[in-house]
Amino acid sequence: MFRLGVGYKERIINHPLHHPQFEVDESAITTGVVTMAYAAYKYWLSK
């Protein structure tokens, strides 16, 4: 498990996850996918 920051750097206020005005910086999706794929790769490589 890891924490993926999805807030906007240039904004003063980033609303929390369950807030009605919460918005995701979708560029973080790439980081999450790459991290999970690498973790799966390392896991299966160690078997």
PDB file of N, CA and C in Angstrom:
ATOM      1  N   MET A   1       0.850  -1.165   0.000  1.00  0.00           N
ATOM      2  CA  MET A   1       0.000   0.000   0.000  1.00  0.00           C
ATOM      3  C   MET A   1       0.900   1.234   0.000  1.00  0.00           C
ATOM      4  N   PHE A   2       0.488   2.239  -0.711  1.00  0.00           N
ATOM      5  CA  PHE A   2       1.217   3.496  -0.737  1.00  0.00           C
ATOM      6  C   PHE A   2       0.218   4.640  -0.904  1.00  0.00           C
ATOM      7  N   ARG A   3       0.657   5.797  -0.546  1.00  0.00           N
ATOM      8  CA  ARG A   3      -0.197   6.975  -0.665  1.00  0.00           C
ATOM      9  C   ARG A   3       0.205   7.744  -1.915  1.00  0.00           C
ATOM     10  N   LEU A   4      -0.764   8.013  -2.756  1.00  0.00           N
ATOM     11  CA  LEU A   4      -0.526   8.712  -4.008  1.00  0.00           C
ATOM     12  C   LEU A   4      -1.134  10.108  -3.897  1.00  0.00           C
ATOM     13  N   GLY A   5      -0.295  11.112  -3.897  1.00  0.00           N
ATOM     14  CA  GLY A   5      -0.794  12.481  -3.823  1.00  0.00           C
ATOM     15  C   GLY A   5      -1.459  12.881  -5.128  1.00  0.00           C
ATOM     16  N   VAL A   6      -2.683  13.345  -5.079  1.00  0.00           N
ATOM     17  CA  VAL A   6      -3.409  13.699  -6.293  1.00  0.00           C
ATOM     18  C   VAL A   6      -3.872  15.151  -6.290  1.00  0.00           C
ATOM     19  N   GLY A   7      -3.323  15.953  -5.385  1.00  0.00           N
ATOM     20  CA  GLY A   7      -3.698  17.367  -5.324  1.00  0.00           C
ATOM     21  C   GLY A   7      -2.936  18.181  -6.359  1.00  0.00           C
ATOM     22  N   TYR A   8      -3.393  19.402  -6.556  1.00  0.00           N
ATOM     23  CA  TYR A   8      -2.750  20.316  -7.498  1.00  0.00           C
ATOM     24  C   TYR A   8      -1.717  21.156  -6.756  1.00  0.00           C
ATOM     25  N   LYS A   9      -0.490  21.197  -7.255  1.00  0.00           N
ATOM     26  CA  LYS A   9       0.589  21.948  -6.603  1.00  0.00           C
ATOM     27  C   LYS A   9       0.306  23.438  -6.555  1.00  0.00           C
ATOM     28  N   GLU A  10      -0.296  23.978  -7.605  1.00  0.00           N
ATOM     29  CA  GLU A  10      -0.478  25.417  -7.704  1.00  0.00           C
ATOM     30  C   GLU A  10      -1.693  25.948  -6.932  1.00  0.00           C
ATOM     31  N   ARG A  11      -2.498  25.065  -6.390  1.00  0.00           N
ATOM     32  CA  ARG A  11      -3.678  25.500  -5.644  1.00  0.00           C
ATOM     33  C   ARG A  11      -3.365  25.678  -4.163  1.00  0.00           C
ATOM     34  N   ILE A  12      -3.962  26.692  -3.580  1.00  0.00           N
ATOM     35  CA  ILE A  12      -3.796  26.925  -2.148  1.00  0.00           C
ATOM     36  C   ILE A  12      -4.614  25.909  -1.364  1.00  0.00           C
ATOM     37  N   ILE A  13      -5.820  25.611  -1.856  1.00  0.00           N
ATOM     38  CA  ILE A  13      -6.711  24.666  -1.167  1.00  0.00           C
ATOM     39  C   ILE A  13      -6.952  23.460  -2.073  1.00  0.00           C
ATOM     40  N   ASN A  14      -6.645  22.277  -1.573  1.00  0.00           N
ATOM     41  CA  ASN A  14      -7.020  21.017  -2.196  1.00  0.00           C
ATOM     42  C   ASN A  14      -7.982  20.342  -1.231  1.00  0.00           C
ATOM     43  N   HIS A  15      -9.230  20.191  -1.661  1.00  0.00           N
ATOM     44  CA  HIS A  15     -10.246  19.618  -0.779  1.00  0.00           C
ATOM     45  C   HIS A  15      -9.965  18.138  -0.512  1.00  0.00           C
ATOM     46  N   PRO A  16     -10.337  17.637   0.671  1.00  0.00           N
ATOM     47  CA  PRO A  16     -10.101  16.228   1.000  1.00  0.00           C
ATOM     48  C   PRO A  16     -10.967  15.287   0.159  1.00  0.00           C
ATOM     49  N   LEU A  17     -10.635  14.013   0.221  1.00  0.00           N
ATOM     50  CA  LEU A  17     -11.214  12.973  -0.631  1.00  0.00           C
ATOM     51  C   LEU A  17     -12.739  12.975  -0.718  1.00  0.00           C
ATOM     52  N   HIS A  18     -13.446  13.039   0.388  1.00  0.00           N
ATOM     53  CA  HIS A  18     -14.906  12.906   0.358  1.00  0.00           C
ATOM     54  C   HIS A  18     -15.634  14.242   0.340  1.00  0.00           C
ATOM     55  N   HIS A  19     -14.932  15.305   0.053  1.00  0.00           N
ATOM     56  CA  HIS A  19     -15.536  16.634  -0.036  1.00  0.00           C
ATOM     57  C   HIS A  19     -16.218  16.778  -1.403  1.00  0.00           C
ATOM     58  N   PRO A  20     -17.376  17.442  -1.479  1.00  0.00           N
ATOM     59  CA  PRO A  20     -18.069  17.569  -2.761  1.00  0.00           C
ATOM     60  C   PRO A  20     -17.277  18.313  -3.836  1.00  0.00           C
ATOM     61  N   GLN A  21     -16.303  19.139  -3.442  1.00  0.00           N
ATOM     62  CA  GLN A  21     -15.513  19.886  -4.413  1.00  0.00           C
ATOM     63  C   GLN A  21     -14.136  19.261  -4.666  1.00  0.00           C
ATOM     64  N   PHE A  22     -13.946  18.024  -4.231  1.00  0.00           N
ATOM     65  CA  PHE A  22     -12.684  17.319  -4.443  1.00  0.00           C
ATOM     66  C   PHE A  22     -12.430  17.149  -5.942  1.00  0.00           C
ATOM     67  N   GLU A  23     -11.213  17.455  -6.378  1.00  0.00           N
ATOM     68  CA  GLU A  23     -10.802  17.257  -7.765  1.00  0.00           C
ATOM     69  C   GLU A  23      -9.453  16.554  -7.788  1.00  0.00           C
ATOM     70  N   VAL A  24      -9.288  15.647  -8.727  1.00  0.00           N
ATOM     71  CA  VAL A  24      -8.069  14.858  -8.842  1.00  0.00           C
ATOM     72  C   VAL A  24      -7.200  15.413  -9.965  1.00  0.00           C
ATOM     73  N   ASP A  25      -5.908  15.553  -9.694  1.00  0.00           N
ATOM     74  CA  ASP A  25      -4.950  15.868 -10.748  1.00  0.00           C
ATOM     75  C   ASP A  25      -4.655  14.548 -11.455  1.00  0.00           C
ATOM     76  N   GLU A  26      -5.236  14.352 -12.623  1.00  0.00           N
ATOM     77  CA  GLU A  26      -5.177  13.063 -13.299  1.00  0.00           C
ATOM     78  C   GLU A  26      -3.786  12.678 -13.784  1.00  0.00           C
ATOM     79  N   SER A  27      -2.844  13.603 -13.760  1.00  0.00           N
ATOM     80  CA  SER A  27      -1.472  13.240 -14.147  1.00  0.00           C
ATOM     81  C   SER A  27      -0.860  12.286 -13.114  1.00  0.00           C
ATOM     82  N   ALA A  28      -1.420  12.223 -11.921  1.00  0.00           N
ATOM     83  CA  ALA A  28      -0.926  11.308 -10.885  1.00  0.00           C
ATOM     84  C   ALA A  28      -1.256   9.849 -11.204  1.00  0.00           C
ATOM     85  N   ILE A  29      -2.214   9.620 -12.098  1.00  0.00           N
ATOM     86  CA  ILE A  29      -2.607   8.251 -12.442  1.00  0.00           C
ATOM     87  C   ILE A  29      -1.412   7.496 -13.037  1.00  0.00           C
ATOM     88  N   THR A  30      -0.640   8.162 -13.869  1.00  0.00           N
ATOM     89  CA  THR A  30       0.532   7.527 -14.482  1.00  0.00           C
ATOM     90  C   THR A  30       1.510   7.048 -13.416  1.00  0.00           C
ATOM     91  N   THR A  31       1.772   7.884 -12.437  1.00  0.00           N
ATOM     92  CA  THR A  31       2.676   7.507 -11.349  1.00  0.00           C
ATOM     93  C   THR A  31       2.149   6.288 -10.604  1.00  0.00           C
ATOM     94  N   GLY A  32       0.858   6.265 -10.318  1.00  0.00           N
ATOM     95  CA  GLY A  32       0.254   5.136  -9.611  1.00  0.00           C
ATOM     96  C   GLY A  32       0.336   3.843 -10.402  1.00  0.00           C
ATOM     97  N   VAL A  33       0.054   3.905 -11.691  1.00  0.00           N
ATOM     98  CA  VAL A  33       0.094   2.716 -12.540  1.00  0.00           C
ATOM     99  C   VAL A  33       1.512   2.173 -12.642  1.00  0.00           C
ATOM    100  N   VAL A  34       2.469   3.051 -12.860  1.00  0.00           N
ATOM    101  CA  VAL A  34       3.868   2.621 -12.973  1.00  0.00           C
ATOM    102  C   VAL A  34       4.353   2.009 -11.661  1.00  0.00           C
ATOM    103  N   THR A  35       4.001   2.617 -10.545  1.00  0.00           N
ATOM    104  CA  THR A  35       4.419   2.103  -9.241  1.00  0.00           C
ATOM    105  C   THR A  35       3.832   0.720  -8.973  1.00  0.00           C
ATOM    106  N   MET A  36       2.543   0.548  -9.252  1.00  0.00           N
ATOM    107  CA  MET A  36       1.917  -0.758  -9.028  1.00  0.00           C
ATOM    108  C   MET A  36       2.472  -1.822  -9.981  1.00  0.00           C
ATOM    109  N   ALA A  37       2.696  -1.458 -11.231  1.00  0.00           N
ATOM    110  CA  ALA A  37       3.250  -2.411 -12.192  1.00  0.00           C
ATOM    111  C   ALA A  37       4.653  -2.836 -11.775  1.00  0.00           C
ATOM    112  N   TYR A  38       5.463  -1.884 -11.313  1.00  0.00           N
ATOM    113  CA  TYR A  38       6.817  -2.215 -10.872  1.00  0.00           C
ATOM    114  C   TYR A  38       6.780  -3.112  -9.632  1.00  0.00           C
ATOM    115  N   ALA A  39       5.872  -2.841  -8.717  1.00  0.00           N
ATOM    116  CA  ALA A  39       5.750  -3.673  -7.516  1.00  0.00           C
ATOM    117  C   ALA A  39       5.358  -5.108  -7.900  1.00  0.00           C
ATOM    118  N   ALA A  40       4.423  -5.255  -8.835  1.00  0.00           N
ATOM    119  CA  ALA A  40       4.018  -6.594  -9.284  1.00  0.00           C
ATOM    120  C   ALA A  40       5.181  -7.303  -9.979  1.00  0.00           C
ATOM    121  N   TYR A  41       5.900  -6.557 -10.807  1.00  0.00           N
ATOM    122  CA  TYR A  41       7.066  -7.119 -11.492  1.00  0.00           C
ATOM    123  C   TYR A  41       8.102  -7.619 -10.491  1.00  0.00           C
ATOM    124  N   LYS A  42       8.440  -6.800  -9.505  1.00  0.00           N
ATOM    125  CA  LYS A  42       9.426  -7.204  -8.497  1.00  0.00           C
ATOM    126  C   LYS A  42       8.943  -8.391  -7.670  1.00  0.00           C
ATOM    127  N   TYR A  43       7.641  -8.431  -7.391  1.00  0.00           N
ATOM    128  CA  TYR A  43       7.078  -9.546  -6.623  1.00  0.00           C
ATOM    129  C   TYR A  43       7.233 -10.856  -7.416  1.00  0.00           C
ATOM    130  N   TRP A  44       6.814 -10.860  -8.673  1.00  0.00           N
ATOM    131  CA  TRP A  44       6.876 -12.081  -9.463  1.00  0.00           C
ATOM    132  C   TRP A  44       8.301 -12.465  -9.826  1.00  0.00           C
ATOM    133  N   LEU A  45       9.192 -11.485  -9.908  1.00  0.00           N
ATOM    134  CA  LEU A  45      10.587 -11.766 -10.189  1.00  0.00           C
ATOM    135  C   LEU A  45      11.255 -12.489  -9.015  1.00  0.00           C
ATOM    136  N   SER A  46      10.792 -12.208  -7.813  1.00  0.00           N
ATOM    137  CA  SER A  46      11.398 -12.814  -6.621  1.00  0.00           C
ATOM    138  C   SER A  46      10.903 -14.235  -6.362  1.00  0.00           C
ATOM    139  N   LYS A  47       9.917 -14.691  -7.083  1.00  0.00           N
ATOM    140  CA  LYS A  47       9.366 -16.032  -6.873  1.00  0.00           C
ATOM    141  C   LYS A  47      10.227 -17.099  -7.469  1.00  0.00           C
TER     142      LYS A  47
END
